[in-house]
Amino acid sequence: MINCSAQKKKAVREFRYEVVSMGVGSQGTDLIKVYSYLKNEKELSDITKMNAIHAVLFKGIAATSGTTAQPAMVKPKEKENNAEFFEKFFDNGTYNQYVTLSSDGVVNPKDRMKVGKEYKIGIIVSVNKQDLRKYLESEGVIKGFGF
């Protein structure tokens, strides 16, 4: 599991989550379970999708039994050099094109826990890493495999 916290200066956005690899989905997609920390469950699906993309881009996904580790798609220097791009990417919802909830947002009761005044809720999502990589390459954010 990976635990991440990051904040944005303007509209404080906090990325607080844990991720677990669930294997490979259809071609070019990966299944991951994202445990998001929330005070209010109303934004669960949006926050879960955002956390999933954040993990794939900047943190990577740790290996679990039967899966392989997935390194972060974006190097720290690329993230730093393209901070404004990523701010817009999350703010305008572009990230939504590359992630879907695999269970239509239905939460297994075992994946819903009360932690202090918050909830820790796990949902499986599918991230289209292939198309996400192509998009970032076309925008000049990351280099292609051949470079």
N, C-alpha and C. Protein backbone atom coordinates (compact mmCIF):
# COMPACT_ATOMS: atom_id res chain seq x y z
N MET A 1 0.83 -1.18 0.00
CA MET A 1 0.00 0.00 0.00
C MET A 1 0.87 1.24 0.00
N ILE A 2 0.40 2.27 -0.66
CA ILE A 2 1.11 3.54 -0.68
C ILE A 2 0.22 4.56 -0.02
N ASN A 3 0.77 5.34 0.86
CA ASN A 3 0.01 6.39 1.52
C ASN A 3 0.58 7.71 1.04
N CYS A 4 -0.28 8.64 0.63
CA CYS A 4 0.18 9.87 0.05
C CYS A 4 -0.56 11.07 0.61
N SER A 5 0.17 12.14 0.86
CA SER A 5 -0.45 13.42 1.21
C SER A 5 0.24 14.51 0.41
N ALA A 6 -0.52 15.35 -0.24
CA ALA A 6 0.02 16.48 -0.99
C ALA A 6 -1.02 17.58 -0.96
N GLN A 7 -0.56 18.81 -0.96
CA GLN A 7 -1.50 19.92 -0.95
C GLN A 7 -1.19 20.89 -2.07
N LYS A 8 -2.21 21.55 -2.54
CA LYS A 8 -2.14 22.58 -3.54
C LYS A 8 -2.33 23.90 -2.83
N LYS A 9 -1.66 24.97 -3.28
CA LYS A 9 -1.72 26.24 -2.57
C LYS A 9 -3.04 26.98 -2.74
N LYS A 10 -3.55 27.11 -3.96
CA LYS A 10 -4.74 27.94 -4.20
C LYS A 10 -5.97 27.37 -3.50
N ALA A 11 -6.67 26.48 -4.14
CA ALA A 11 -7.82 25.82 -3.52
C ALA A 11 -7.25 24.56 -2.90
N VAL A 12 -7.06 24.57 -1.63
CA VAL A 12 -6.34 23.49 -0.97
C VAL A 12 -6.95 22.15 -1.34
N ARG A 13 -6.18 21.37 -2.07
CA ARG A 13 -6.60 20.02 -2.45
C ARG A 13 -5.62 19.08 -1.76
N GLU A 14 -6.17 18.18 -1.03
CA GLU A 14 -5.33 17.24 -0.30
C GLU A 14 -5.54 15.85 -0.89
N PHE A 15 -4.45 15.24 -1.31
CA PHE A 15 -4.51 13.88 -1.83
C PHE A 15 -4.14 12.95 -0.69
N ARG A 16 -5.15 12.29 -0.13
CA ARG A 16 -4.92 11.35 0.96
C ARG A 16 -5.55 10.03 0.57
N TYR A 17 -4.71 9.04 0.37
CA TYR A 17 -5.21 7.76 -0.10
C TYR A 17 -4.18 6.67 0.12
N GLU A 18 -4.63 5.46 -0.08
CA GLU A 18 -3.77 4.27 -0.15
C GLU A 18 -4.23 3.53 -1.39
N VAL A 19 -3.30 2.88 -2.07
CA VAL A 19 -3.66 2.14 -3.28
C VAL A 19 -3.09 0.73 -3.23
N VAL A 20 -3.83 -0.19 -3.82
CA VAL A 20 -3.43 -1.59 -3.90
C VAL A 20 -3.69 -2.06 -5.31
N SER A 21 -2.72 -2.71 -5.92
CA SER A 21 -2.90 -3.25 -7.26
C SER A 21 -3.86 -4.43 -7.21
N MET A 22 -4.77 -4.46 -8.15
CA MET A 22 -5.72 -5.57 -8.26
C MET A 22 -5.48 -6.37 -9.54
N GLY A 23 -4.45 -5.99 -10.29
CA GLY A 23 -4.13 -6.71 -11.52
C GLY A 23 -4.38 -5.86 -12.75
N VAL A 24 -4.36 -6.53 -13.89
CA VAL A 24 -4.53 -5.86 -15.18
C VAL A 24 -5.95 -6.07 -15.67
N GLY A 25 -6.53 -4.99 -16.19
CA GLY A 25 -7.87 -5.07 -16.76
C GLY A 25 -7.76 -5.35 -18.25
N SER A 26 -8.65 -4.75 -19.03
CA SER A 26 -8.57 -4.91 -20.48
C SER A 26 -7.29 -4.24 -20.97
N GLN A 27 -6.97 -4.41 -22.24
CA GLN A 27 -5.71 -3.94 -22.80
C GLN A 27 -5.45 -2.46 -22.48
N GLY A 28 -4.30 -2.20 -21.89
CA GLY A 28 -3.90 -0.84 -21.58
C GLY A 28 -4.45 -0.29 -20.28
N THR A 29 -5.21 -1.09 -19.54
CA THR A 29 -5.77 -0.61 -18.28
C THR A 29 -5.27 -1.43 -17.10
N ASP A 30 -5.23 -0.80 -15.97
CA ASP A 30 -4.87 -1.47 -14.72
C ASP A 30 -6.00 -1.28 -13.73
N LEU A 31 -6.24 -2.32 -12.94
CA LEU A 31 -7.23 -2.25 -11.88
C LEU A 31 -6.51 -1.98 -10.57
N ILE A 32 -6.98 -0.97 -9.85
CA ILE A 32 -6.41 -0.68 -8.54
C ILE A 32 -7.54 -0.39 -7.56
N LYS A 33 -7.32 -0.76 -6.32
CA LYS A 33 -8.27 -0.41 -5.27
C LYS A 33 -7.71 0.83 -4.58
N VAL A 34 -8.53 1.85 -4.52
CA VAL A 34 -8.14 3.12 -3.91
C VAL A 34 -8.93 3.29 -2.62
N TYR A 35 -8.20 3.45 -1.53
CA TYR A 35 -8.81 3.77 -0.24
C TYR A 35 -8.66 5.27 -0.03
N SER A 36 -9.76 5.99 -0.10
CA SER A 36 -9.74 7.44 0.09
C SER A 36 -10.20 7.79 1.49
N TYR A 37 -9.63 8.84 2.04
CA TYR A 37 -10.02 9.34 3.35
C TYR A 37 -10.94 10.54 3.14
N LEU A 38 -12.16 10.47 3.69
CA LEU A 38 -13.17 11.51 3.47
C LEU A 38 -13.91 11.85 4.74
N LYS A 39 -14.32 13.10 4.82
CA LYS A 39 -15.22 13.50 5.91
C LYS A 39 -16.66 13.34 5.47
N ASN A 40 -16.88 13.46 4.16
CA ASN A 40 -18.22 13.42 3.60
C ASN A 40 -18.21 12.47 2.40
N GLU A 41 -19.09 11.51 2.38
CA GLU A 41 -19.10 10.51 1.32
C GLU A 41 -19.72 11.00 0.01
N LYS A 42 -20.28 12.21 -0.01
CA LYS A 42 -20.96 12.70 -1.20
C LYS A 42 -20.03 12.80 -2.41
N GLU A 43 -18.75 13.09 -2.20
CA GLU A 43 -17.81 13.26 -3.30
C GLU A 43 -16.94 12.03 -3.50
N LEU A 44 -17.37 10.90 -2.99
CA LEU A 44 -16.56 9.69 -3.02
C LEU A 44 -16.06 9.33 -4.41
N SER A 45 -16.94 9.28 -5.40
CA SER A 45 -16.50 8.82 -6.71
C SER A 45 -15.51 9.78 -7.34
N ASP A 46 -15.73 11.08 -7.26
CA ASP A 46 -14.79 12.05 -7.84
C ASP A 46 -13.44 12.01 -7.14
N ILE A 47 -13.46 11.97 -5.82
CA ILE A 47 -12.20 11.94 -5.07
C ILE A 47 -11.45 10.65 -5.33
N THR A 48 -12.15 9.53 -5.40
CA THR A 48 -11.51 8.25 -5.67
C THR A 48 -10.84 8.26 -7.04
N LYS A 49 -11.54 8.77 -8.05
CA LYS A 49 -10.95 8.85 -9.40
C LYS A 49 -9.72 9.74 -9.41
N MET A 50 -9.82 10.88 -8.77
CA MET A 50 -8.70 11.81 -8.72
C MET A 50 -7.50 11.18 -8.00
N ASN A 51 -7.76 10.49 -6.90
CA ASN A 51 -6.69 9.83 -6.16
C ASN A 51 -6.04 8.73 -6.99
N ALA A 52 -6.83 7.99 -7.74
CA ALA A 52 -6.29 6.91 -8.58
C ALA A 52 -5.33 7.47 -9.62
N ILE A 53 -5.75 8.52 -10.30
CA ILE A 53 -4.89 9.13 -11.32
C ILE A 53 -3.65 9.73 -10.69
N HIS A 54 -3.81 10.37 -9.53
CA HIS A 54 -2.66 10.94 -8.83
C HIS A 54 -1.64 9.85 -8.49
N ALA A 55 -2.11 8.71 -8.02
CA ALA A 55 -1.21 7.60 -7.67
C ALA A 55 -0.47 7.09 -8.90
N VAL A 56 -1.19 6.88 -10.01
CA VAL A 56 -0.57 6.37 -11.24
C VAL A 56 0.46 7.37 -11.75
N LEU A 57 0.14 8.65 -11.71
CA LEU A 57 1.05 9.66 -12.23
C LEU A 57 2.29 9.87 -11.37
N PHE A 58 2.10 10.03 -10.06
CA PHE A 58 3.18 10.54 -9.22
C PHE A 58 3.75 9.58 -8.18
N LYS A 59 3.01 8.55 -7.78
CA LYS A 59 3.47 7.68 -6.71
C LYS A 59 3.79 6.25 -7.14
N GLY A 60 3.10 5.77 -8.15
CA GLY A 60 3.26 4.38 -8.55
C GLY A 60 2.38 3.49 -7.69
N ILE A 61 2.31 2.23 -8.07
CA ILE A 61 1.47 1.26 -7.37
C ILE A 61 2.37 0.11 -6.91
N ALA A 62 2.33 -0.17 -5.63
CA ALA A 62 3.15 -1.25 -5.08
C ALA A 62 2.63 -2.61 -5.54
N ALA A 63 3.52 -3.57 -5.65
CA ALA A 63 3.15 -4.93 -6.04
C ALA A 63 2.42 -5.61 -4.89
N THR A 64 1.47 -6.45 -5.24
CA THR A 64 0.81 -7.31 -4.28
C THR A 64 0.95 -8.73 -4.79
N SER A 65 0.45 -9.68 -4.06
CA SER A 65 0.54 -11.07 -4.48
C SER A 65 -0.07 -11.25 -5.86
N GLY A 66 0.72 -11.74 -6.79
CA GLY A 66 0.22 -11.99 -8.15
C GLY A 66 0.27 -10.78 -9.07
N THR A 67 0.77 -9.63 -8.59
CA THR A 67 0.88 -8.45 -9.45
C THR A 67 2.31 -7.93 -9.42
N THR A 68 2.64 -7.05 -10.35
CA THR A 68 3.96 -6.45 -10.37
C THR A 68 3.85 -4.97 -10.01
N ALA A 69 4.94 -4.44 -9.47
CA ALA A 69 4.96 -3.02 -9.11
C ALA A 69 4.84 -2.17 -10.37
N GLN A 70 4.19 -1.04 -10.23
CA GLN A 70 4.02 -0.11 -11.34
C GLN A 70 4.65 1.22 -10.94
N PRO A 71 5.75 1.59 -11.58
CA PRO A 71 6.39 2.85 -11.20
C PRO A 71 5.52 4.05 -11.58
N ALA A 72 5.80 5.17 -10.96
CA ALA A 72 5.09 6.41 -11.29
C ALA A 72 5.35 6.76 -12.76
N MET A 73 4.33 7.27 -13.42
CA MET A 73 4.43 7.61 -14.83
C MET A 73 5.22 8.91 -15.04
N VAL A 74 5.14 9.82 -14.07
CA VAL A 74 5.75 11.14 -14.19
C VAL A 74 6.91 11.25 -13.20
N LYS A 75 8.05 11.64 -13.70
CA LYS A 75 9.22 11.84 -12.83
C LYS A 75 9.06 13.14 -12.05
N PRO A 76 9.69 13.24 -10.87
CA PRO A 76 9.55 14.45 -10.06
C PRO A 76 9.88 15.74 -10.82
N LYS A 77 10.91 15.71 -11.64
CA LYS A 77 11.30 16.91 -12.40
C LYS A 77 10.21 17.28 -13.42
N GLU A 78 9.62 16.27 -14.06
CA GLU A 78 8.54 16.52 -15.02
C GLU A 78 7.33 17.11 -14.30
N LYS A 79 7.05 16.62 -13.11
CA LYS A 79 5.93 17.15 -12.31
C LYS A 79 6.19 18.61 -11.97
N GLU A 80 7.39 18.90 -11.52
CA GLU A 80 7.75 20.26 -11.14
C GLU A 80 7.69 21.21 -12.34
N ASN A 81 8.24 20.78 -13.47
CA ASN A 81 8.27 21.62 -14.67
C ASN A 81 6.89 21.85 -15.28
N ASN A 82 5.94 21.00 -14.95
CA ASN A 82 4.60 21.08 -15.54
C ASN A 82 3.52 21.26 -14.47
N ALA A 83 3.86 21.93 -13.39
CA ALA A 83 2.93 22.10 -12.27
C ALA A 83 1.62 22.75 -12.72
N GLU A 84 1.69 23.76 -13.56
CA GLU A 84 0.48 24.45 -14.02
C GLU A 84 -0.38 23.51 -14.86
N PHE A 85 0.26 22.70 -15.71
CA PHE A 85 -0.46 21.72 -16.53
C PHE A 85 -1.26 20.78 -15.63
N PHE A 86 -0.61 20.23 -14.60
CA PHE A 86 -1.27 19.26 -13.73
C PHE A 86 -2.36 19.91 -12.89
N GLU A 87 -2.15 21.15 -12.49
CA GLU A 87 -3.19 21.87 -11.74
C GLU A 87 -4.46 21.96 -12.60
N LYS A 88 -4.31 22.34 -13.86
CA LYS A 88 -5.45 22.44 -14.77
C LYS A 88 -6.04 21.05 -15.06
N PHE A 89 -5.17 20.06 -15.22
CA PHE A 89 -5.58 18.68 -15.51
C PHE A 89 -6.56 18.17 -14.47
N PHE A 90 -6.28 18.47 -13.20
CA PHE A 90 -7.18 18.04 -12.12
C PHE A 90 -8.36 19.00 -11.95
N ASP A 91 -8.11 20.30 -12.06
CA ASP A 91 -9.18 21.29 -11.85
C ASP A 91 -10.29 21.20 -12.89
N ASN A 92 -9.93 21.01 -14.16
CA ASN A 92 -10.96 21.01 -15.21
C ASN A 92 -11.54 19.62 -15.48
N GLY A 93 -11.09 18.62 -14.74
CA GLY A 93 -11.67 17.28 -14.86
C GLY A 93 -11.14 16.43 -15.99
N THR A 94 -10.05 16.86 -16.65
CA THR A 94 -9.48 16.08 -17.74
C THR A 94 -9.14 14.66 -17.29
N TYR A 95 -8.72 14.51 -16.05
CA TYR A 95 -8.34 13.20 -15.51
C TYR A 95 -9.47 12.18 -15.65
N ASN A 96 -10.73 12.63 -15.65
CA ASN A 96 -11.89 11.74 -15.72
C ASN A 96 -11.92 10.89 -16.99
N GLN A 97 -11.24 11.33 -18.03
CA GLN A 97 -11.23 10.59 -19.29
C GLN A 97 -10.45 9.28 -19.19
N TYR A 98 -9.65 9.15 -18.14
CA TYR A 98 -8.73 8.01 -18.05
C TYR A 98 -9.01 7.07 -16.89
N VAL A 99 -10.13 7.25 -16.22
CA VAL A 99 -10.45 6.41 -15.06
C VAL A 99 -11.95 6.16 -14.98
N THR A 100 -12.30 4.93 -14.61
CA THR A 100 -13.71 4.59 -14.39
C THR A 100 -13.83 3.75 -13.13
N LEU A 101 -14.96 3.87 -12.47
CA LEU A 101 -15.23 3.03 -11.31
C LEU A 101 -15.62 1.66 -11.82
N SER A 102 -14.94 0.61 -11.36
CA SER A 102 -15.27 -0.70 -11.89
C SER A 102 -16.50 -1.33 -11.30
N SER A 103 -16.92 -0.88 -10.17
CA SER A 103 -18.11 -1.47 -9.55
C SER A 103 -19.26 -0.46 -9.50
N ASP A 104 -19.27 0.48 -10.40
CA ASP A 104 -20.29 1.53 -10.44
C ASP A 104 -20.39 2.28 -9.11
N GLY A 105 -19.29 2.32 -8.38
CA GLY A 105 -19.27 3.06 -7.12
C GLY A 105 -19.85 2.31 -5.94
N VAL A 106 -20.21 1.03 -6.14
CA VAL A 106 -20.74 0.23 -5.03
C VAL A 106 -19.57 -0.16 -4.13
N VAL A 107 -19.74 0.10 -2.84
CA VAL A 107 -18.67 -0.16 -1.88
C VAL A 107 -18.97 -1.43 -1.09
N ASN A 108 -18.00 -2.32 -1.07
CA ASN A 108 -18.10 -3.53 -0.26
C ASN A 108 -18.10 -3.08 1.20
N PRO A 109 -19.01 -3.58 2.02
CA PRO A 109 -19.05 -3.16 3.43
C PRO A 109 -17.71 -3.34 4.15
N LYS A 110 -16.91 -4.31 3.74
CA LYS A 110 -15.60 -4.52 4.36
C LYS A 110 -14.62 -3.40 4.01
N ASP A 111 -14.93 -2.64 2.95
CA ASP A 111 -14.05 -1.57 2.49
C ASP A 111 -14.51 -0.19 2.97
N ARG A 112 -15.36 -0.15 3.96
CA ARG A 112 -15.85 1.12 4.54
C ARG A 112 -15.52 1.08 6.02
N MET A 113 -14.62 1.96 6.45
CA MET A 113 -14.20 2.00 7.85
C MET A 113 -14.30 3.41 8.40
N LYS A 114 -14.68 3.53 9.63
CA LYS A 114 -14.69 4.82 10.32
C LYS A 114 -13.33 4.97 10.98
N VAL A 115 -12.63 6.07 10.65
CA VAL A 115 -11.31 6.34 11.21
C VAL A 115 -11.38 7.73 11.84
N GLY A 116 -11.55 7.77 13.15
CA GLY A 116 -11.72 9.06 13.82
C GLY A 116 -13.00 9.73 13.33
N LYS A 117 -12.86 10.94 12.81
CA LYS A 117 -14.01 11.68 12.31
C LYS A 117 -14.18 11.50 10.80
N GLU A 118 -13.38 10.64 10.21
CA GLU A 118 -13.41 10.44 8.77
C GLU A 118 -13.80 9.00 8.42
N TYR A 119 -13.99 8.80 7.13
CA TYR A 119 -14.21 7.47 6.59
C TYR A 119 -13.04 7.11 5.70
N LYS A 120 -12.66 5.85 5.75
CA LYS A 120 -11.68 5.30 4.82
C LYS A 120 -12.46 4.31 3.97
N ILE A 121 -12.61 4.65 2.68
CA ILE A 121 -13.48 3.87 1.81
C ILE A 121 -12.69 3.40 0.60
N GLY A 122 -12.77 2.10 0.31
CA GLY A 122 -12.05 1.52 -0.82
C GLY A 122 -12.97 1.19 -1.98
N ILE A 123 -12.56 1.59 -3.16
CA ILE A 123 -13.29 1.30 -4.39
C ILE A 123 -12.29 0.87 -5.46
N ILE A 124 -12.67 -0.13 -6.24
CA ILE A 124 -11.83 -0.58 -7.35
C ILE A 124 -12.11 0.29 -8.56
N VAL A 125 -11.03 0.77 -9.18
CA VAL A 125 -11.15 1.59 -10.38
C VAL A 125 -10.28 1.00 -11.48
N SER A 126 -10.61 1.36 -12.69
CA SER A 126 -9.83 0.97 -13.86
C SER A 126 -9.19 2.24 -14.42
N VAL A 127 -7.87 2.23 -14.57
CA VAL A 127 -7.15 3.38 -15.10
C VAL A 127 -6.58 3.01 -16.47
N ASN A 128 -6.93 3.79 -17.47
CA ASN A 128 -6.42 3.55 -18.82
C ASN A 128 -5.05 4.22 -18.94
N LYS A 129 -4.03 3.49 -18.50
CA LYS A 129 -2.67 4.02 -18.49
C LYS A 129 -2.14 4.24 -19.90
N GLN A 130 -2.54 3.40 -20.83
CA GLN A 130 -2.06 3.52 -22.20
C GLN A 130 -2.49 4.87 -22.80
N ASP A 131 -3.76 5.20 -22.72
CA ASP A 131 -4.25 6.46 -23.27
C ASP A 131 -3.74 7.66 -22.46
N LEU A 132 -3.61 7.50 -21.16
CA LEU A 132 -3.09 8.58 -20.32
C LEU A 132 -1.65 8.89 -20.72
N ARG A 133 -0.85 7.86 -20.92
CA ARG A 133 0.54 8.06 -21.34
C ARG A 133 0.59 8.77 -22.69
N LYS A 134 -0.22 8.32 -23.64
CA LYS A 134 -0.25 8.95 -24.97
C LYS A 134 -0.59 10.43 -24.86
N TYR A 135 -1.58 10.75 -24.01
CA TYR A 135 -1.98 12.14 -23.82
C TYR A 135 -0.84 12.97 -23.26
N LEU A 136 -0.18 12.47 -22.21
CA LEU A 136 0.92 13.22 -21.60
C LEU A 136 2.09 13.39 -22.57
N GLU A 137 2.35 12.38 -23.39
CA GLU A 137 3.40 12.49 -24.40
C GLU A 137 3.03 13.54 -25.44
N SER A 138 1.78 13.53 -25.91
CA SER A 138 1.34 14.48 -26.93
C SER A 138 1.37 15.92 -26.42
N GLU A 139 1.21 16.10 -25.10
CA GLU A 139 1.25 17.43 -24.50
C GLU A 139 2.68 17.85 -24.14
N GLY A 140 3.65 16.94 -24.36
CA GLY A 140 5.04 17.26 -24.07
C GLY A 140 5.40 17.23 -22.60
N VAL A 141 4.55 16.59 -21.80
CA VAL A 141 4.77 16.52 -20.36
C VAL A 141 5.79 15.44 -20.02
N ILE A 142 5.67 14.29 -20.66
CA ILE A 142 6.62 13.20 -20.46
C ILE A 142 7.17 12.78 -21.82
N LYS A 143 8.32 12.11 -21.78
CA LYS A 143 8.92 11.62 -23.01
C LYS A 143 8.40 10.23 -23.32
N GLY A 144 8.37 9.89 -24.61
CA GLY A 144 7.93 8.57 -25.03
C GLY A 144 8.95 7.51 -24.63
N PHE A 145 8.58 6.26 -24.80
CA PHE A 145 9.46 5.15 -24.41
C PHE A 145 10.79 5.15 -25.17
N GLY A 146 10.80 5.64 -26.40
CA GLY A 146 12.00 5.60 -27.23
C GLY A 146 13.04 6.65 -26.89
N PHE A 147 12.75 7.55 -25.95
CA PHE A 147 13.69 8.64 -25.66
C PHE A 147 14.55 8.33 -24.49
